[in-house]
Amino acid sequence: LPDSTALARAQFSGSWRPSLKAERLWNGVAEESFSTSCDSVKLSLKRFQNPDPKTREAVLVLTGFNETALKYVELVYELFKAGFSVVIYDHRGQGLSCREPALPESRQQNGFVESFQD
């Protein structure tokens, strides 16, 4: 996976930046990954564990199609500040998650659909 801190800082430069507190929370949590069971594609994940031992509530933030978790920095901060633990990940082929392994690295891919025959 790419260096998420460098990518995050690059994404945050320009016309929009999250609040300083939200950016500190985001950059203070290490990037993780997990592999899908069917083909071992690594998906990028961030887990914000609320330090209060009594907290049992957690929120899983699911990004939209062709979006990165970086778009939700402020939402993650607000949920965490409200007392929730928060987990967010980039879908296959999005943000910092890996692309489809059958495609050459030089080919861009915005998403993955196993089958349209549902």
PDB file of N, CA and C in Angstrom:
ATOM      1  N   LEU A   1       0.832  -1.187   0.000  1.00  0.00           N
ATOM      2  CA  LEU A   1       0.000   0.000   0.000  1.00  0.00           C
ATOM      3  C   LEU A   1       0.873   1.245   0.000  1.00  0.00           C
ATOM      4  N   PRO A   2       0.414   2.320  -0.614  1.00  0.00           N
ATOM      5  CA  PRO A   2       1.174   3.573  -0.582  1.00  0.00           C
ATOM      6  C   PRO A   2       1.268   4.114   0.836  1.00  0.00           C
ATOM      7  N   ASP A   3       2.197   5.019   1.052  1.00  0.00           N
ATOM      8  CA  ASP A   3       2.352   5.666   2.350  1.00  0.00           C
ATOM      9  C   ASP A   3       1.139   6.566   2.567  1.00  0.00           C
ATOM     10  N   SER A   4       0.258   6.161   3.473  1.00  0.00           N
ATOM     11  CA  SER A   4      -1.006   6.876   3.649  1.00  0.00           C
ATOM     12  C   SER A   4      -0.814   8.279   4.212  1.00  0.00           C
ATOM     13  N   THR A   5       0.191   8.486   5.050  1.00  0.00           N
ATOM     14  CA  THR A   5       0.411   9.810   5.613  1.00  0.00           C
ATOM     15  C   THR A   5       0.786  10.795   4.514  1.00  0.00           C
ATOM     16  N   ALA A   6       1.688  10.381   3.634  1.00  0.00           N
ATOM     17  CA  ALA A   6       2.093  11.266   2.537  1.00  0.00           C
ATOM     18  C   ALA A   6       0.913  11.536   1.612  1.00  0.00           C
ATOM     19  N   LEU A   7       0.143  10.494   1.297  1.00  0.00           N
ATOM     20  CA  LEU A   7      -1.007  10.669   0.417  1.00  0.00           C
ATOM     21  C   LEU A   7      -2.047  11.563   1.086  1.00  0.00           C
ATOM     22  N   ALA A   8      -2.297  11.336   2.365  1.00  0.00           N
ATOM     23  CA  ALA A   8      -3.291  12.129   3.072  1.00  0.00           C
ATOM     24  C   ALA A   8      -2.897  13.599   3.088  1.00  0.00           C
ATOM     25  N   ARG A   9      -1.627  13.878   3.338  1.00  0.00           N
ATOM     26  CA  ARG A   9      -1.188  15.277   3.359  1.00  0.00           C
ATOM     27  C   ARG A   9      -1.314  15.903   1.978  1.00  0.00           C
ATOM     28  N   ALA A  10      -1.000  15.125   0.936  1.00  0.00           N
ATOM     29  CA  ALA A  10      -1.148  15.634  -0.429  1.00  0.00           C
ATOM     30  C   ALA A  10      -2.614  15.913  -0.726  1.00  0.00           C
ATOM     31  N   GLN A  11      -3.509  15.029  -0.277  1.00  0.00           N
ATOM     32  CA  GLN A  11      -4.935  15.210  -0.505  1.00  0.00           C
ATOM     33  C   GLN A  11      -5.468  16.422   0.253  1.00  0.00           C
ATOM     34  N   PHE A  12      -4.882  16.713   1.411  1.00  0.00           N
ATOM     35  CA  PHE A  12      -5.381  17.793   2.235  1.00  0.00           C
ATOM     36  C   PHE A  12      -4.820  19.145   1.840  1.00  0.00           C
ATOM     37  N   SER A  13      -3.875  19.174   0.920  1.00  0.00           N
ATOM     38  CA  SER A  13      -3.370  20.472   0.479  1.00  0.00           C
ATOM     39  C   SER A  13      -4.261  20.985  -0.639  1.00  0.00           C
ATOM     40  N   GLY A  14      -4.439  22.258  -0.702  1.00  0.00           N
ATOM     41  CA  GLY A  14      -5.295  22.816  -1.748  1.00  0.00           C
ATOM     42  C   GLY A  14      -6.435  23.603  -1.155  1.00  0.00           C
ATOM     43  N   SER A  15      -7.579  23.586  -1.824  1.00  0.00           N
ATOM     44  CA  SER A  15      -8.682  24.446  -1.427  1.00  0.00           C
ATOM     45  C   SER A  15      -9.440  23.935  -0.201  1.00  0.00           C
ATOM     46  N   TRP A  16      -9.443  22.638   0.052  1.00  0.00           N
ATOM     47  CA  TRP A  16     -10.170  22.108   1.204  1.00  0.00           C
ATOM     48  C   TRP A  16      -9.214  21.399   2.138  1.00  0.00           C
ATOM     49  N   ARG A  17      -9.377  21.655   3.413  1.00  0.00           N
ATOM     50  CA  ARG A  17      -8.625  20.940   4.448  1.00  0.00           C
ATOM     51  C   ARG A  17      -9.591  20.649   5.585  1.00  0.00           C
ATOM     52  N   PRO A  18      -9.418  19.490   6.231  1.00  0.00           N
ATOM     53  CA  PRO A  18     -10.230  19.244   7.427  1.00  0.00           C
ATOM     54  C   PRO A  18      -9.742  20.147   8.555  1.00  0.00           C
ATOM     55  N   SER A  19     -10.517  20.224   9.611  1.00  0.00           N
ATOM     56  CA  SER A  19     -10.073  20.998  10.768  1.00  0.00           C
ATOM     57  C   SER A  19      -8.772  20.393  11.294  1.00  0.00           C
ATOM     58  N   LEU A  20      -8.014  21.189  12.005  1.00  0.00           N
ATOM     59  CA  LEU A  20      -6.737  20.728  12.534  1.00  0.00           C
ATOM     60  C   LEU A  20      -6.926  19.539  13.479  1.00  0.00           C
ATOM     61  N   LYS A  21      -7.961  19.582  14.316  1.00  0.00           N
ATOM     62  CA  LYS A  21      -8.234  18.475  15.241  1.00  0.00           C
ATOM     63  C   LYS A  21      -8.579  17.201  14.487  1.00  0.00           C
ATOM     64  N   ALA A  22      -9.388  17.310  13.442  1.00  0.00           N
ATOM     65  CA  ALA A  22      -9.760  16.131  12.647  1.00  0.00           C
ATOM     66  C   ALA A  22      -8.541  15.559  11.931  1.00  0.00           C
ATOM     67  N   GLU A  23      -7.709  16.428  11.388  1.00  0.00           N
ATOM     68  CA  GLU A  23      -6.510  15.971  10.683  1.00  0.00           C
ATOM     69  C   GLU A  23      -5.542  15.283  11.644  1.00  0.00           C
ATOM     70  N   ARG A  24      -5.392  15.821  12.857  1.00  0.00           N
ATOM     71  CA  ARG A  24      -4.516  15.194  13.853  1.00  0.00           C
ATOM     72  C   ARG A  24      -5.020  13.804  14.231  1.00  0.00           C
ATOM     73  N   LEU A  25      -6.331  13.673  14.436  1.00  0.00           N
ATOM     74  CA  LEU A  25      -6.897  12.364  14.752  1.00  0.00           C
ATOM     75  C   LEU A  25      -6.628  11.394  13.610  1.00  0.00           C
ATOM     76  N   TRP A  26      -6.909  11.827  12.383  1.00  0.00           N
ATOM     77  CA  TRP A  26      -6.745  10.970  11.206  1.00  0.00           C
ATOM     78  C   TRP A  26      -5.297  10.514  11.040  1.00  0.00           C
ATOM     79  N   ASN A  27      -4.356  11.456  11.120  1.00  0.00           N
ATOM     80  CA  ASN A  27      -2.944  11.130  10.923  1.00  0.00           C
ATOM     81  C   ASN A  27      -2.334  10.412  12.120  1.00  0.00           C
ATOM     82  N   GLY A  28      -3.014  10.448  13.273  1.00  0.00           N
ATOM     83  CA  GLY A  28      -2.506   9.776  14.470  1.00  0.00           C
ATOM     84  C   GLY A  28      -2.838   8.299  14.537  1.00  0.00           C
ATOM     85  N   VAL A  29      -3.642   7.812  13.607  1.00  0.00           N
ATOM     86  CA  VAL A  29      -4.034   6.393  13.580  1.00  0.00           C
ATOM     87  C   VAL A  29      -3.340   5.729  12.407  1.00  0.00           C
ATOM     88  N   ALA A  30      -2.693   4.615  12.686  1.00  0.00           N
ATOM     89  CA  ALA A  30      -1.958   3.904  11.632  1.00  0.00           C
ATOM     90  C   ALA A  30      -2.900   3.286  10.608  1.00  0.00           C
ATOM     91  N   GLU A  31      -2.447   3.292   9.365  1.00  0.00           N
ATOM     92  CA  GLU A  31      -3.172   2.643   8.276  1.00  0.00           C
ATOM     93  C   GLU A  31      -3.053   1.136   8.474  1.00  0.00           C
ATOM     94  N   GLU A  32      -4.145   0.434   8.315  1.00  0.00           N
ATOM     95  CA  GLU A  32      -4.135  -1.021   8.394  1.00  0.00           C
ATOM     96  C   GLU A  32      -4.629  -1.556   7.058  1.00  0.00           C
ATOM     97  N   SER A  33      -4.575  -2.855   6.915  1.00  0.00           N
ATOM     98  CA  SER A  33      -5.180  -3.470   5.735  1.00  0.00           C
ATOM     99  C   SER A  33      -5.669  -4.852   6.113  1.00  0.00           C
ATOM    100  N   PHE A  34      -6.601  -5.353   5.338  1.00  0.00           N
ATOM    101  CA  PHE A  34      -7.038  -6.731   5.488  1.00  0.00           C
ATOM    102  C   PHE A  34      -7.228  -7.307   4.102  1.00  0.00           C
ATOM    103  N   SER A  35      -7.104  -8.609   3.986  1.00  0.00           N
ATOM    104  CA  SER A  35      -7.220  -9.259   2.683  1.00  0.00           C
ATOM    105  C   SER A  35      -8.599  -9.869   2.526  1.00  0.00           C
ATOM    106  N   THR A  36      -9.128  -9.756   1.317  1.00  0.00           N
ATOM    107  CA  THR A  36     -10.403 -10.401   1.026  1.00  0.00           C
ATOM    108  C   THR A  36     -10.185 -11.900   0.966  1.00  0.00           C
ATOM    109  N   SER A  37     -11.200 -12.651   1.292  1.00  0.00           N
ATOM    110  CA  SER A  37     -11.039 -14.104   1.389  1.00  0.00           C
ATOM    111  C   SER A  37     -10.932 -14.789   0.035  1.00  0.00           C
ATOM    112  N   CYS A  38     -11.546 -14.229  -1.000  1.00  0.00           N
ATOM    113  CA  CYS A  38     -11.581 -14.955  -2.272  1.00  0.00           C
ATOM    114  C   CYS A  38     -10.315 -14.792  -3.105  1.00  0.00           C
ATOM    115  N   ASP A  39      -9.638 -13.649  -3.034  1.00  0.00           N
ATOM    116  CA  ASP A  39      -8.481 -13.464  -3.915  1.00  0.00           C
ATOM    117  C   ASP A  39      -7.337 -12.677  -3.281  1.00  0.00           C
ATOM    118  N   SER A  40      -7.370 -12.462  -1.988  1.00  0.00           N
ATOM    119  CA  SER A  40      -6.293 -11.820  -1.227  1.00  0.00           C
ATOM    120  C   SER A  40      -6.005 -10.372  -1.637  1.00  0.00           C
ATOM    121  N   VAL A  41      -6.972  -9.670  -2.190  1.00  0.00           N
ATOM    122  CA  VAL A  41      -6.799  -8.248  -2.485  1.00  0.00           C
ATOM    123  C   VAL A  41      -6.796  -7.497  -1.156  1.00  0.00           C
ATOM    124  N   LYS A  42      -5.779  -6.675  -0.927  1.00  0.00           N
ATOM    125  CA  LYS A  42      -5.673  -5.937   0.333  1.00  0.00           C
ATOM    126  C   LYS A  42      -6.500  -4.657   0.267  1.00  0.00           C
ATOM    127  N   LEU A  43      -7.332  -4.477   1.281  1.00  0.00           N
ATOM    128  CA  LEU A  43      -8.155  -3.291   1.395  1.00  0.00           C
ATOM    129  C   LEU A  43      -7.624  -2.425   2.538  1.00  0.00           C
ATOM    130  N   SER A  44      -7.574  -1.133   2.314  1.00  0.00           N
ATOM    131  CA  SER A  44      -7.073  -0.178   3.291  1.00  0.00           C
ATOM    132  C   SER A  44      -8.144   0.094   4.346  1.00  0.00           C
ATOM    133  N   LEU A  45      -7.713   0.155   5.602  1.00  0.00           N
ATOM    134  CA  LEU A  45      -8.642   0.294   6.723  1.00  0.00           C
ATOM    135  C   LEU A  45      -8.057   1.228   7.770  1.00  0.00           C
ATOM    136  N   LYS A  46      -8.913   2.029   8.392  1.00  0.00           N
ATOM    137  CA  LYS A  46      -8.514   2.819   9.566  1.00  0.00           C
ATOM    138  C   LYS A  46      -9.516   2.518  10.669  1.00  0.00           C
ATOM    139  N   ARG A  47      -8.988   2.286  11.879  1.00  0.00           N
ATOM    140  CA  ARG A  47      -9.817   1.951  13.036  1.00  0.00           C
ATOM    141  C   ARG A  47      -9.522   2.959  14.146  1.00  0.00           C
ATOM    142  N   PHE A  48     -10.552   3.666  14.577  1.00  0.00           N
ATOM    143  CA  PHE A  48     -10.429   4.675  15.621  1.00  0.00           C
ATOM    144  C   PHE A  48     -11.120   4.133  16.864  1.00  0.00           C
ATOM    145  N   GLN A  49     -10.339   3.575  17.776  1.00  0.00           N
ATOM    146  CA  GLN A  49     -10.885   2.943  18.981  1.00  0.00           C
ATOM    147  C   GLN A  49     -11.071   3.984  20.072  1.00  0.00           C
ATOM    148  N   ASN A  50     -12.304   4.140  20.548  1.00  0.00           N
ATOM    149  CA  ASN A  50     -12.571   5.060  21.630  1.00  0.00           C
ATOM    150  C   ASN A  50     -11.863   4.556  22.888  1.00  0.00           C
ATOM    151  N   PRO A  51     -11.097   5.421  23.571  1.00  0.00           N
ATOM    152  CA  PRO A  51     -10.322   4.965  24.728  1.00  0.00           C
ATOM    153  C   PRO A  51     -11.158   4.646  25.969  1.00  0.00           C
ATOM    154  N   ASP A  52     -12.415   5.065  26.004  1.00  0.00           N
ATOM    155  CA  ASP A  52     -13.264   4.799  27.165  1.00  0.00           C
ATOM    156  C   ASP A  52     -13.643   3.313  27.187  1.00  0.00           C
ATOM    157  N   PRO A  53     -13.254   2.567  28.240  1.00  0.00           N
ATOM    158  CA  PRO A  53     -13.538   1.132  28.284  1.00  0.00           C
ATOM    159  C   PRO A  53     -15.030   0.799  28.351  1.00  0.00           C
ATOM    160  N   LYS A  54     -15.867   1.770  28.740  1.00  0.00           N
ATOM    161  CA  LYS A  54     -17.311   1.524  28.796  1.00  0.00           C
ATOM    162  C   LYS A  54     -17.973   1.640  27.418  1.00  0.00           C
ATOM    163  N   THR A  55     -17.273   2.233  26.477  1.00  0.00           N
ATOM    164  CA  THR A  55     -17.847   2.431  25.147  1.00  0.00           C
ATOM    165  C   THR A  55     -17.924   1.112  24.403  1.00  0.00           C
ATOM    166  N   ARG A  56     -19.118   0.747  23.974  1.00  0.00           N
ATOM    167  CA  ARG A  56     -19.305  -0.480  23.211  1.00  0.00           C
ATOM    168  C   ARG A  56     -19.856  -0.191  21.819  1.00  0.00           C
ATOM    169  N   GLU A  57     -20.265   1.044  21.587  1.00  0.00           N
ATOM    170  CA  GLU A  57     -20.862   1.397  20.306  1.00  0.00           C
ATOM    171  C   GLU A  57     -19.774   1.713  19.290  1.00  0.00           C
ATOM    172  N   ALA A  58     -19.976   1.198  18.089  1.00  0.00           N
ATOM    173  CA  ALA A  58     -19.043   1.460  16.994  1.00  0.00           C
ATOM    174  C   ALA A  58     -19.841   1.767  15.735  1.00  0.00           C
ATOM    175  N   VAL A  59     -19.240   2.558  14.869  1.00  0.00           N
ATOM    176  CA  VAL A  59     -19.856   2.914  13.600  1.00  0.00           C
ATOM    177  C   VAL A  59     -18.926   2.464  12.481  1.00  0.00           C
ATOM    178  N   LEU A  60     -19.480   1.757  11.507  1.00  0.00           N
ATOM    179  CA  LEU A  60     -18.749   1.399  10.300  1.00  0.00           C
ATOM    180  C   LEU A  60     -19.178   2.368   9.218  1.00  0.00           C
ATOM    181  N   VAL A  61     -18.243   3.175   8.729  1.00  0.00           N
ATOM    182  CA  VAL A  61     -18.547   4.158   7.682  1.00  0.00           C
ATOM    183  C   VAL A  61     -18.238   3.507   6.343  1.00  0.00           C
ATOM    184  N   LEU A  62     -19.246   3.419   5.492  1.00  0.00           N
ATOM    185  CA  LEU A  62     -19.087   2.860   4.151  1.00  0.00           C
ATOM    186  C   LEU A  62     -19.085   4.001   3.143  1.00  0.00           C
ATOM    187  N   THR A  63     -18.018   4.110   2.401  1.00  0.00           N
ATOM    188  CA  THR A  63     -17.909   5.184   1.419  1.00  0.00           C
ATOM    189  C   THR A  63     -18.755   4.852   0.195  1.00  0.00           C
ATOM    190  N   GLY A  64     -19.023   5.863  -0.607  1.00  0.00           N
ATOM    191  CA  GLY A  64     -19.783   5.651  -1.827  1.00  0.00           C
ATOM    192  C   GLY A  64     -18.896   5.146  -2.950  1.00  0.00           C
ATOM    193  N   PHE A  65     -19.507   4.799  -4.065  1.00  0.00           N
ATOM    194  CA  PHE A  65     -18.762   4.326  -5.225  1.00  0.00           C
ATOM    195  C   PHE A  65     -17.815   5.412  -5.703  1.00  0.00           C
ATOM    196  N   ASN A  66     -16.590   5.031  -5.983  1.00  0.00           N
ATOM    197  CA  ASN A  66     -15.560   5.925  -6.507  1.00  0.00           C
ATOM    198  C   ASN A  66     -15.200   7.040  -5.522  1.00  0.00           C
ATOM    199  N   GLU A  67     -15.302   6.744  -4.214  1.00  0.00           N
ATOM    200  CA  GLU A  67     -14.908   7.693  -3.183  1.00  0.00           C
ATOM    201  C   GLU A  67     -13.807   7.072  -2.327  1.00  0.00           C
ATOM    202  N   THR A  68     -13.033   7.928  -1.702  1.00  0.00           N
ATOM    203  CA  THR A  68     -11.998   7.481  -0.779  1.00  0.00           C
ATOM    204  C   THR A  68     -12.409   7.809   0.654  1.00  0.00           C
ATOM    205  N   ALA A  69     -11.859   7.068   1.592  1.00  0.00           N
ATOM    206  CA  ALA A  69     -12.125   7.333   3.005  1.00  0.00           C
ATOM    207  C   ALA A  69     -11.670   8.729   3.398  1.00  0.00           C
ATOM    208  N   LEU A  70     -10.695   9.288   2.673  1.00  0.00           N
ATOM    209  CA  LEU A  70     -10.195  10.625   2.982  1.00  0.00           C
ATOM    210  C   LEU A  70     -11.286  11.689   2.913  1.00  0.00           C
ATOM    211  N   LYS A  71     -12.354  11.413   2.191  1.00  0.00           N
ATOM    212  CA  LYS A  71     -13.462  12.356   2.082  1.00  0.00           C
ATOM    213  C   LYS A  71     -14.235  12.475   3.401  1.00  0.00           C
ATOM    214  N   TYR A  72     -14.064  11.503   4.295  1.00  0.00           N
ATOM    215  CA  TYR A  72     -14.882  11.417   5.500  1.00  0.00           C
ATOM    216  C   TYR A  72     -14.113  11.730   6.789  1.00  0.00           C
ATOM    217  N   VAL A  73     -13.014  12.446   6.685  1.00  0.00           N
ATOM    218  CA  VAL A  73     -12.190  12.772   7.851  1.00  0.00           C
ATOM    219  C   VAL A  73     -13.002  13.518   8.912  1.00  0.00           C
ATOM    220  N   GLU A  74     -13.751  14.522   8.509  1.00  0.00           N
ATOM    221  CA  GLU A  74     -14.543  15.308   9.468  1.00  0.00           C
ATOM    222  C   GLU A  74     -15.648  14.460  10.101  1.00  0.00           C
ATOM    223  N   LEU A  75     -16.302  13.619   9.318  1.00  0.00           N
ATOM    224  CA  LEU A  75     -17.350  12.747   9.862  1.00  0.00           C
ATOM    225  C   LEU A  75     -16.757  11.794  10.901  1.00  0.00           C
ATOM    226  N   VAL A  76     -15.619  11.194  10.586  1.00  0.00           N
ATOM    227  CA  VAL A  76     -14.953  10.290  11.531  1.00  0.00           C
ATOM    228  C   VAL A  76     -14.639  11.042  12.822  1.00  0.00           C
ATOM    229  N   TYR A  77     -14.122  12.246  12.691  1.00  0.00           N
ATOM    230  CA  TYR A  77     -13.789  13.049  13.869  1.00  0.00           C
ATOM    231  C   TYR A  77     -15.033  13.331  14.714  1.00  0.00           C
ATOM    232  N   GLU A  78     -16.117  13.741  14.078  1.00  0.00           N
ATOM    233  CA  GLU A  78     -17.348  14.068  14.814  1.00  0.00           C
ATOM    234  C   GLU A  78     -17.918  12.838  15.509  1.00  0.00           C
ATOM    235  N   LEU A  79     -17.903  11.688  14.848  1.00  0.00           N
ATOM    236  CA  LEU A  79     -18.394  10.453  15.473  1.00  0.00           C
ATOM    237  C   LEU A  79     -17.514  10.052  16.657  1.00  0.00           C
ATOM    238  N   PHE A  80     -16.191  10.155  16.468  1.00  0.00           N
ATOM    239  CA  PHE A  80     -15.246   9.808  17.534  1.00  0.00           C
ATOM    240  C   PHE A  80     -15.424  10.748  18.728  1.00  0.00           C
ATOM    241  N   LYS A  81     -15.561  12.032  18.446  1.00  0.00           N
ATOM    242  CA  LYS A  81     -15.751  13.035  19.499  1.00  0.00           C
ATOM    243  C   LYS A  81     -17.065  12.792  20.250  1.00  0.00           C
ATOM    244  N   ALA A  82     -18.075  12.239  19.570  1.00  0.00           N
ATOM    245  CA  ALA A  82     -19.365  11.939  20.191  1.00  0.00           C
ATOM    246  C   ALA A  82     -19.316  10.659  21.032  1.00  0.00           C
ATOM    247  N   GLY A  83     -18.170   9.970  21.049  1.00  0.00           N
ATOM    248  CA  GLY A  83     -18.022   8.807  21.909  1.00  0.00           C
ATOM    249  C   GLY A  83     -18.046   7.459  21.224  1.00  0.00           C
ATOM    250  N   PHE A  84     -18.120   7.441  19.900  1.00  0.00           N
ATOM    251  CA  PHE A  84     -18.150   6.174  19.175  1.00  0.00           C
ATOM    252  C   PHE A  84     -16.742   5.735  18.784  1.00  0.00           C
ATOM    253  N   SER A  85     -16.555   4.429  18.675  1.00  0.00           N
ATOM    254  CA  SER A  85     -15.398   3.911  17.957  1.00  0.00           C
ATOM    255  C   SER A  85     -15.800   3.906  16.489  1.00  0.00           C
ATOM    256  N   VAL A  86     -14.845   4.132  15.596  1.00  0.00           N
ATOM    257  CA  VAL A  86     -15.169   4.267  14.172  1.00  0.00           C
ATOM    258  C   VAL A  86     -14.218   3.404  13.338  1.00  0.00           C
ATOM    259  N   VAL A  87     -14.781   2.718  12.357  1.00  0.00           N
ATOM    260  CA  VAL A  87     -13.999   1.951  11.386  1.00  0.00           C
ATOM    261  C   VAL A  87     -14.411   2.435  10.005  1.00  0.00           C
ATOM    262  N   ILE A  88     -13.427   2.663   9.153  1.00  0.00           N
ATOM    263  CA  ILE A  88     -13.688   3.084   7.776  1.00  0.00           C
ATOM    264  C   ILE A  88     -12.673   2.416   6.873  1.00  0.00           C
ATOM    265  N   TYR A  89     -13.109   2.008   5.690  1.00  0.00           N
ATOM    266  CA  TYR A  89     -12.172   1.397   4.748  1.00  0.00           C
ATOM    267  C   TYR A  89     -12.484   1.841   3.331  1.00  0.00           C
ATOM    268  N   ASP A  90     -11.476   1.690   2.476  1.00  0.00           N
ATOM    269  CA  ASP A  90     -11.650   1.972   1.052  1.00  0.00           C
ATOM    270  C   ASP A  90     -12.033   0.677   0.347  1.00  0.00           C
ATOM    271  N   HIS A  91     -13.081   0.744  -0.456  1.00  0.00           N
ATOM    272  CA  HIS A  91     -13.501  -0.424  -1.229  1.00  0.00           C
ATOM    273  C   HIS A  91     -12.413  -0.824  -2.223  1.00  0.00           C
ATOM    274  N   ARG A  92     -12.518  -2.017  -2.734  1.00  0.00           N
ATOM    275  CA  ARG A  92     -11.597  -2.543  -3.733  1.00  0.00           C
ATOM    276  C   ARG A  92     -11.456  -1.558  -4.892  1.00  0.00           C
ATOM    277  N   GLY A  93     -10.204  -1.206  -5.204  1.00  0.00           N
ATOM    278  CA  GLY A  93      -9.936  -0.318  -6.327  1.00  0.00           C
ATOM    279  C   GLY A  93     -10.138   1.161  -6.019  1.00  0.00           C
ATOM    280  N   GLN A  94     -10.456   1.512  -4.774  1.00  0.00           N
ATOM    281  CA  GLN A  94     -10.711   2.899  -4.401  1.00  0.00           C
ATOM    282  C   GLN A  94      -9.656   3.358  -3.397  1.00  0.00           C
ATOM    283  N   GLY A  95      -9.362   4.647  -3.383  1.00  0.00           N
ATOM    284  CA  GLY A  95      -8.464   5.216  -2.382  1.00  0.00           C
ATOM    285  C   GLY A  95      -7.144   4.481  -2.264  1.00  0.00           C
ATOM    286  N   LEU A  96      -6.820   4.030  -1.052  1.00  0.00           N
ATOM    287  CA  LEU A  96      -5.554   3.346  -0.796  1.00  0.00           C
ATOM    288  C   LEU A  96      -5.657   1.827  -0.912  1.00  0.00           C
ATOM    289  N   SER A  97      -6.833   1.294  -1.229  1.00  0.00           N
ATOM    290  CA  SER A  97      -6.972  -0.155  -1.391  1.00  0.00           C
ATOM    291  C   SER A  97      -6.379  -0.608  -2.717  1.00  0.00           C
ATOM    292  N   CYS A  98      -5.985  -1.874  -2.752  1.00  0.00           N
ATOM    293  CA  CYS A  98      -5.360  -2.426  -3.961  1.00  0.00           C
ATOM    294  C   CYS A  98      -6.372  -2.594  -5.093  1.00  0.00           C
ATOM    295  N   ARG A  99      -5.828  -2.681  -6.270  1.00  0.00           N
ATOM    296  CA  ARG A  99      -6.644  -2.851  -7.466  1.00  0.00           C
ATOM    297  C   ARG A  99      -6.825  -4.339  -7.756  1.00  0.00           C
ATOM    298  N   GLU A 100      -7.622  -4.630  -8.731  1.00  0.00           N
ATOM    299  CA  GLU A 100      -7.875  -6.011  -9.152  1.00  0.00           C
ATOM    300  C   GLU A 100      -6.575  -6.659  -9.602  1.00  0.00           C
ATOM    301  N   PRO A 101      -6.208  -7.834  -9.063  1.00  0.00           N
ATOM    302  CA  PRO A 101      -4.902  -8.427  -9.377  1.00  0.00           C
ATOM    303  C   PRO A 101      -4.758  -8.911 -10.816  1.00  0.00           C
ATOM    304  N   ALA A 102      -5.852  -9.186 -11.508  1.00  0.00           N
ATOM    305  CA  ALA A 102      -5.759  -9.701 -12.876  1.00  0.00           C
ATOM    306  C   ALA A 102      -5.389  -8.611 -13.881  1.00  0.00           C
ATOM    307  N   LEU A 103      -5.495  -7.356 -13.495  1.00  0.00           N
ATOM    308  CA  LEU A 103      -5.199  -6.259 -14.398  1.00  0.00           C
ATOM    309  C   LEU A 103      -3.761  -5.791 -14.215  1.00  0.00           C
ATOM    310  N   PRO A 104      -3.100  -5.368 -15.287  1.00  0.00           N
ATOM    311  CA  PRO A 104      -1.749  -4.821 -15.145  1.00  0.00           C
ATOM    312  C   PRO A 104      -1.774  -3.555 -14.290  1.00  0.00           C
ATOM    313  N   GLU A 105      -0.707  -3.297 -13.545  1.00  0.00           N
ATOM    314  CA  GLU A 105      -0.657  -2.127 -12.663  1.00  0.00           C
ATOM    315  C   GLU A 105      -0.793  -0.818 -13.434  1.00  0.00           C
ATOM    316  N   SER A 106      -0.393  -0.815 -14.694  1.00  0.00           N
ATOM    317  CA  SER A 106      -0.445   0.411 -15.485  1.00  0.00           C
ATOM    318  C   SER A 106      -1.867   0.790 -15.894  1.00  0.00           C
ATOM    319  N   ARG A 107      -2.811  -0.127 -15.756  1.00  0.00           N
ATOM    320  CA  ARG A 107      -4.189   0.146 -16.169  1.00  0.00           C
ATOM    321  C   ARG A 107      -4.997   0.694 -14.992  1.00  0.00           C
ATOM    322  N   GLN A 108      -5.621   1.835 -15.185  1.00  0.00           N
ATOM    323  CA  GLN A 108      -6.438   2.444 -14.138  1.00  0.00           C
ATOM    324  C   GLN A 108      -7.728   1.661 -13.965  1.00  0.00           C
ATOM    325  N   GLN A 109      -8.193   1.568 -12.727  1.00  0.00           N
ATOM    326  CA  GLN A 109      -9.457   0.909 -12.452  1.00  0.00           C
ATOM    327  C   GLN A 109     -10.179   1.673 -11.364  1.00  0.00           C
ATOM    328  N   ASN A 110     -11.438   2.011 -11.597  1.00  0.00           N
ATOM    329  CA  ASN A 110     -12.206   2.768 -10.620  1.00  0.00           C
ATOM    330  C   ASN A 110     -13.091   1.905  -9.744  1.00  0.00           C
ATOM    331  N   GLY A 111     -13.316   0.670 -10.081  1.00  0.00           N
ATOM    332  CA  GLY A 111     -14.194  -0.178  -9.284  1.00  0.00           C
ATOM    333  C   GLY A 111     -14.138  -1.606  -9.751  1.00  0.00           C
ATOM    334  N   PHE A 112     -14.870  -2.458  -9.067  1.00  0.00           N
ATOM    335  CA  PHE A 112     -14.889  -3.873  -9.405  1.00  0.00           C
ATOM    336  C   PHE A 112     -16.310  -4.403  -9.230  1.00  0.00           C
ATOM    337  N   VAL A 113     -16.800  -5.096 -10.234  1.00  0.00           N
ATOM    338  CA  VAL A 113     -18.106  -5.745 -10.154  1.00  0.00           C
ATOM    339  C   VAL A 113     -17.896  -7.189 -10.583  1.00  0.00           C
ATOM    340  N   GLU A 114     -18.154  -8.118  -9.676  1.00  0.00           N
ATOM    341  CA  GLU A 114     -17.967  -9.548  -9.958  1.00  0.00           C
ATOM    342  C   GLU A 114     -18.900  -9.999 -11.075  1.00  0.00           C
ATOM    343  N   SER A 115     -20.183  -9.617 -10.972  1.00  0.00           N
ATOM    344  CA  SER A 115     -21.151 -10.059 -11.955  1.00  0.00           C
ATOM    345  C   SER A 115     -22.339  -9.108 -11.976  1.00  0.00           C
ATOM    346  N   PHE A 116     -22.877  -8.873 -13.164  1.00  0.00           N
ATOM    347  CA  PHE A 116     -24.094  -8.083 -13.297  1.00  0.00           C
ATOM    348  C   PHE A 116     -25.317  -8.983 -13.446  1.00  0.00           C
ATOM    349  N   GLN A 117     -25.155 -10.274 -13.240  1.00  0.00           N
ATOM    350  CA  GLN A 117     -26.204 -11.266 -13.464  1.00  0.00           C
ATOM    351  C   GLN A 117     -26.984 -11.595 -12.193  1.00  0.00           C
ATOM    352  N   ASP A 118     -27.214 -10.643 -11.320  1.00  0.00           N
ATOM    353  CA  ASP A 118     -27.910 -10.918 -10.050  1.00  0.00           C
ATOM    354  C   ASP A 118     -29.380 -11.041 -10.226  1.00  0.00           C
TER     355      ASP A 118
END
